[in-house]
Protein backbone atom coordinates (compact mmCIF):
# COMPACT_ATOMS: atom_id res chain seq x y z
CA UNK A 1 7.80 48.55 47.36
CA UNK A 2 5.21 46.66 44.95
CA UNK A 3 1.90 47.14 44.06
CA UNK A 4 -0.82 45.04 46.12
CA UNK A 5 -2.60 43.97 42.66
CA UNK A 6 0.14 43.34 39.86
CA UNK A 7 2.79 42.87 42.35
CA UNK A 8 5.47 44.69 40.03
CA UNK A 9 7.95 46.91 41.27
CA UNK A 10 6.03 50.60 42.28
CA UNK A 11 8.78 52.71 43.82
CA UNK A 12 8.64 55.12 40.91
CA UNK A 13 4.82 55.46 41.16
CA UNK A 14 3.52 58.92 42.04
CA UNK A 15 -0.25 58.50 41.91
CA UNK A 16 -2.42 58.13 45.33
CA UNK A 17 -4.86 55.77 45.39
CA UNK A 18 -8.59 56.71 46.22
CA UNK A 19 -10.00 53.37 47.76
CA UNK A 20 -13.45 54.87 46.74
CA UNK A 21 -13.56 57.31 44.05
CA UNK A 22 -13.63 61.02 44.62
CA UNK A 23 -16.67 61.15 42.44
CA UNK A 24 -18.43 59.36 45.31
CA UNK A 25 -17.52 61.87 48.00
CA UNK A 26 -14.09 60.19 49.24
CA UNK A 27 -11.54 62.61 50.49
CA UNK A 28 -10.03 60.83 53.54
CA UNK A 29 -9.82 56.72 52.52
CA UNK A 30 -6.41 57.34 50.38
CA UNK A 31 -3.46 55.16 49.96
CA UNK A 32 0.09 56.39 49.40
CA UNK A 33 1.74 56.26 46.28
CA UNK A 34 3.24 52.81 45.47
CA UNK A 35 0.77 50.63 47.40
CA UNK A 36 -1.17 50.73 43.97
CA UNK A 37 1.21 51.47 41.05
CA UNK A 38 0.49 53.80 38.63
CA UNK A 39 -0.57 51.38 35.80
CA UNK A 40 -3.20 49.47 38.10
CA UNK A 41 -4.45 53.02 39.28
CA UNK A 42 -5.08 54.26 35.94
CA UNK A 43 -6.50 50.92 34.81
CA UNK A 44 -8.96 51.02 37.48
CA UNK A 45 -9.95 54.57 36.81
CA UNK A 46 -10.74 53.84 33.03
CA UNK A 47 -12.05 50.22 32.93
CA UNK A 48 -13.74 49.95 36.38
CA UNK A 49 -14.44 53.05 38.12
CA UNK A 50 -15.21 55.18 35.17
CA UNK A 51 -17.80 52.84 33.61
CA UNK A 52 -19.48 52.15 36.95
CA UNK A 53 -19.80 55.85 37.57
CA UNK A 54 -21.25 56.23 34.12
CA UNK A 55 -23.54 53.44 35.03
CA UNK A 56 -27.62 54.63 35.41
CA UNK A 57 -27.54 53.60 38.84
CA UNK A 58 -24.68 55.62 40.17
CA UNK A 59 -25.33 58.61 37.93
CA UNK A 60 -29.36 58.69 39.47
CA UNK A 61 -27.65 57.96 43.12
CA UNK A 62 -25.04 60.91 42.87
CA UNK A 63 -27.73 63.32 41.41
CA UNK A 64 -30.53 62.51 44.31
CA UNK A 65 -27.64 62.83 46.98
CA UNK A 66 -25.96 65.94 45.04
CA UNK A 67 -22.54 64.35 45.27
CA UNK A 68 -20.21 66.39 43.09
CA UNK A 69 -17.95 65.12 40.53
CA UNK A 70 -14.45 66.03 40.86
CA UNK A 71 -15.41 69.01 38.33
CA UNK A 72 -17.70 70.05 41.21
CA UNK A 73 -21.02 69.10 39.40
CA UNK A 74 -23.52 66.52 40.15
CA UNK A 75 -24.37 64.03 37.05
CA UNK A 76 -27.41 64.77 35.04
CA UNK A 77 -30.30 62.56 34.64
CA UNK A 78 -32.86 62.23 32.11
CA UNK A 79 -36.81 61.57 32.23
CA UNK A 80 -39.87 62.05 30.14
CA UNK A 81 -42.11 65.32 30.26
CA UNK A 82 -45.30 63.35 29.93
CA UNK A 83 -47.55 66.33 28.20
CA UNK A 84 -45.12 67.00 25.35
CA UNK A 85 -43.44 63.28 25.24
CA UNK A 86 -40.13 65.33 25.26
CA UNK A 87 -36.93 63.77 26.68
CA UNK A 88 -35.78 66.02 29.29
CA UNK A 89 -32.73 66.72 31.29
CA UNK A 90 -32.64 67.23 35.03
CA UNK A 91 -29.40 69.11 36.32
CA UNK A 92 -28.58 70.38 39.98
CA UNK A 93 -27.41 73.61 41.10
CA UNK A 94 -23.83 73.87 41.67
CA UNK A 95 -24.64 74.06 45.61
CA UNK A 96 -27.04 71.26 45.07
CA UNK A 97 -30.10 73.28 46.28
CA UNK A 98 -32.18 73.15 43.27
CA UNK A 99 -33.00 71.34 40.22
CA UNK A 100 -33.01 72.60 36.61
CA UNK A 101 -35.31 71.26 33.64
CA UNK A 102 -34.74 71.45 30.01
CA UNK A 103 -35.21 69.60 26.93
CA UNK A 104 -32.22 66.85 26.52
CA UNK A 105 -31.88 67.79 22.62
CA UNK A 106 -31.91 71.09 21.56
CA UNK A 107 -34.26 70.06 18.39
CA UNK A 108 -37.00 69.55 20.91
CA UNK A 109 -36.60 72.68 23.05
CA UNK A 110 -39.32 74.80 21.17
CA UNK A 111 -41.96 71.82 21.72
CA UNK A 112 -40.85 71.89 25.30
CA UNK A 113 -41.28 75.40 26.15
CA UNK A 114 -44.68 75.75 24.33
CA UNK A 115 -45.86 72.78 26.32
CA UNK A 116 -44.88 74.20 29.39
CA UNK A 117 -45.99 77.69 28.80
CA UNK A 118 -49.60 76.23 27.64
CA UNK A 119 -50.40 74.25 30.85
CA UNK A 120 -50.35 75.15 34.65
CA UNK A 121 -49.75 71.51 35.62
CA UNK A 122 -47.22 68.80 34.30
CA UNK A 123 -45.70 65.49 34.99
CA UNK A 124 -42.44 63.97 34.60
CA UNK A 125 -41.35 60.51 34.55
CA UNK A 126 -37.94 59.88 35.95
CA UNK A 127 -36.63 56.18 35.85
CA UNK A 128 -35.02 55.19 39.04
CA UNK A 129 -32.33 52.39 38.33
CA UNK A 130 -32.66 49.61 41.02
CA UNK A 131 -28.92 47.98 40.66
CA UNK A 132 -25.65 48.67 38.57
CA UNK A 133 -23.96 46.49 36.40
CA UNK A 134 -23.35 43.22 38.57
CA UNK A 135 -19.80 42.42 36.99
CA UNK A 136 -18.68 45.89 36.91
CA UNK A 137 -19.77 46.30 40.55
CA UNK A 138 -18.30 42.84 41.53
CA UNK A 139 -14.71 44.05 40.27
CA UNK A 140 -14.98 47.37 41.95
CA UNK A 141 -15.82 45.47 45.36
CA UNK A 142 -13.00 43.35 44.75
CA UNK A 143 -10.32 46.18 44.18
CA UNK A 144 -11.76 48.04 46.76
CA UNK A 145 -11.61 44.69 49.53
CA UNK A 146 -7.97 44.80 48.90
CA UNK A 147 -7.14 48.46 49.06
CA UNK A 148 -9.28 48.38 52.66
CA UNK A 149 -7.21 45.55 53.82
CA UNK A 150 -4.16 47.89 52.54
CA UNK A 151 -5.25 50.63 54.47
CA UNK A 152 -5.25 48.64 57.89
CA UNK A 153 -2.10 47.38 57.35
CA UNK A 154 -0.14 50.33 55.37
CA UNK A 155 1.29 51.56 58.89
CA UNK A 156 2.34 48.09 59.99
CA UNK A 157 5.81 46.86 59.28
CA UNK A 158 5.39 44.44 56.63
CA UNK A 159 1.98 44.52 56.32
CA UNK A 160 1.61 45.31 52.55
CA UNK A 161 4.18 42.32 51.96
CA UNK A 162 1.79 40.21 53.62
CA UNK A 163 -1.04 41.16 51.11
CA UNK A 164 1.37 40.85 48.23
CA UNK A 165 2.59 37.39 49.15
CA UNK A 166 -0.53 35.70 50.37
CA UNK A 167 -1.61 33.38 47.58
CA UNK A 168 -4.91 33.28 49.02
CA UNK A 169 -5.79 36.62 47.82
CA UNK A 170 -4.58 35.89 44.31
CA UNK A 171 -8.00 35.03 42.79
CA UNK A 172 -9.76 38.32 43.98
CA UNK A 173 -6.64 39.96 43.02
CA UNK A 174 -6.51 38.79 39.78
CA UNK A 175 -10.42 38.99 39.18
CA UNK A 176 -10.41 42.92 40.32
CA UNK A 177 -7.07 43.38 37.93
CA UNK A 178 -8.25 41.53 34.93
CA UNK A 179 -11.61 40.23 35.07
CA UNK A 180 -10.14 36.80 34.39
CA UNK A 181 -12.85 34.27 34.41
CA UNK A 182 -16.66 34.96 32.49
CA UNK A 183 -18.15 34.47 36.01
CA UNK A 184 -19.11 37.09 38.43
CA UNK A 185 -17.62 37.19 41.82
CA UNK A 186 -20.95 37.09 43.90
CA UNK A 187 -21.69 39.69 46.45
CA UNK A 188 -24.40 40.13 48.90
CA UNK A 189 -26.29 43.22 48.83
CA UNK A 190 -29.31 45.01 50.76
CA UNK A 191 -30.58 48.64 51.76
CA UNK A 192 -29.55 49.68 55.43
CA UNK A 193 -31.07 53.00 55.30
CA UNK A 194 -32.06 55.77 52.42
CA UNK A 195 -29.51 57.52 50.73
CA UNK A 196 -30.76 60.75 52.30
CA UNK A 197 -31.01 59.34 55.64
CA UNK A 198 -29.51 61.82 58.29
CA UNK A 199 -27.97 60.58 61.44
CA UNK A 200 -27.91 62.71 64.51
CA UNK A 201 -25.58 62.58 67.38
CA UNK A 202 -26.01 64.27 70.72
CA UNK A 203 -24.66 67.89 70.41
CA UNK A 204 -23.70 67.53 66.98
CA UNK A 205 -24.92 68.87 63.76
CA UNK A 206 -27.03 66.27 61.77
CA UNK A 207 -25.07 64.53 59.07
CA UNK A 208 -25.22 61.79 56.16
CA UNK A 209 -23.01 58.90 55.59
CA UNK A 210 -21.80 58.56 52.01
CA UNK A 211 -19.85 55.40 52.94
CA UNK A 212 -18.50 53.31 55.47
CA UNK A 213 -16.77 50.03 55.78
CA UNK A 214 -15.19 47.35 57.97
CA UNK A 215 -13.73 44.16 57.85
CA UNK A 216 -15.30 40.64 58.96
CA UNK A 217 -14.25 37.39 60.02
CA UNK A 218 -17.13 35.22 60.35
CA UNK A 219 -14.47 32.40 60.49
CA UNK A 220 -10.82 32.42 61.44
CA UNK A 221 -9.78 31.86 58.25
CA UNK A 222 -12.64 33.67 56.20
CA UNK A 223 -12.10 37.64 55.41
CA UNK A 224 -15.12 39.53 54.24
CA UNK A 225 -15.51 43.29 53.03
CA UNK A 226 -18.70 45.06 54.42
CA UNK A 227 -19.08 48.18 52.78
CA UNK A 228 -22.20 50.64 52.71
CA UNK A 229 -22.29 53.14 49.77
CA UNK A 230 -25.22 55.91 50.40
CA UNK A 231 -27.05 53.33 52.63
CA UNK A 232 -26.63 50.18 50.33
CA UNK A 233 -24.58 47.40 52.21
CA UNK A 234 -22.26 45.29 50.16
CA UNK A 235 -20.52 42.20 51.32
CA UNK A 236 -17.65 40.50 49.35
CA UNK A 237 -15.62 37.52 50.46
CA UNK A 238 -11.92 38.15 49.61
CA UNK A 239 -10.92 34.49 50.02
CA UNK A 240 -13.36 32.69 47.96
CA UNK A 241 -16.22 33.36 45.55
CA UNK A 242 -18.93 32.70 47.95
CA UNK A 243 -21.50 34.36 50.00
CA UNK A 244 -23.40 31.77 51.65
CA UNK A 245 -21.09 32.23 54.99
CA UNK A 246 -22.15 35.71 55.29
CA UNK A 247 -25.72 34.74 55.05
CA UNK A 248 -25.45 32.47 57.80
CA UNK A 249 -23.64 35.05 59.85
CA UNK A 250 -26.58 37.34 59.16
CA UNK A 251 -28.77 34.60 60.71
CA UNK A 252 -26.95 34.11 63.61
CA UNK A 253 -26.62 37.76 64.24
CA UNK A 254 -30.33 38.62 63.87
CA UNK A 255 -29.70 40.58 60.49
CA UNK A 256 -27.79 43.06 61.76
CA UNK A 257 -25.17 44.83 59.83
CA UNK A 258 -21.33 43.96 60.83
CA UNK A 259 -21.20 47.97 60.47
CA UNK A 260 -23.52 48.74 63.38
CA UNK A 261 -22.54 45.86 65.81
CA UNK A 262 -25.01 45.34 68.41
CA UNK A 263 -27.79 47.73 67.31
CA UNK A 264 -31.45 47.05 67.67
CA UNK A 265 -32.05 48.91 64.43
CA UNK A 266 -29.37 49.87 61.96
CA UNK A 267 -30.75 53.31 61.32
CA UNK A 268 -30.54 53.99 65.31
CA UNK A 269 -26.69 53.95 65.22
CA UNK A 270 -24.98 57.07 65.33
CA UNK A 271 -21.27 56.07 65.09
CA UNK A 272 -20.59 54.35 61.75
CA UNK A 273 -17.41 52.72 61.31
CA UNK A 274 -14.60 54.38 58.77
CA UNK A 275 -17.33 56.46 57.42
CA UNK A 276 -17.16 59.60 55.38
CA UNK A 277 -19.43 62.58 56.18
């Protein structure tokens, strides 16, 4: 067995690989030990996924959707209490049911408390990041793209070997693992539905979709990963650093996401592909 990223012998590797980090709610899409070697697994955790999840965009996303970390706590976010001009920190209750607010720094706690006690109304301003770091997100998507392909092929004899030996995948493989070029591998992004959107299937309890993905072949020789994370769709070409083909595909298909084939409105769909509930 060899690693799909560095291609080194991975028979001694012991770590499973979460295609989407546990801290984004993934408990199902997991590759067995050896598909990604322990060294690459640790590298992605420290150099790509860790910094990306610490990015204000994902901290805010996990806070608003109450997605707990591996330690069972949602990230905290910061804002400004306008009356006292104190920087405050918002935290989620362990069960995600409520939000606590307090001074972010101990030196401001007294001023914060006195201001709150002296007024019956107040205003908090909470900045909402609109996008994550583009290069980190791009490398993360490149990593996820190869691992999603591996998930599709892992139970097929010779499937993983096909990924390792396919030279056309070497550029995206090297970009995910090493960063390589100074250029950012492009990806397409758009919102499909709000992060707290609730899907409702007939006869079932309503649910939210944390992530969902599919593989798209807009042409016979071209492969895209299309993934939605909390309602935001990302598309990345595994074979080349271009997204014009995907844009053309969207035009030809009336802008409908590959995650929801045949849908008139993406928010009406009740059967996402490969989703995590």
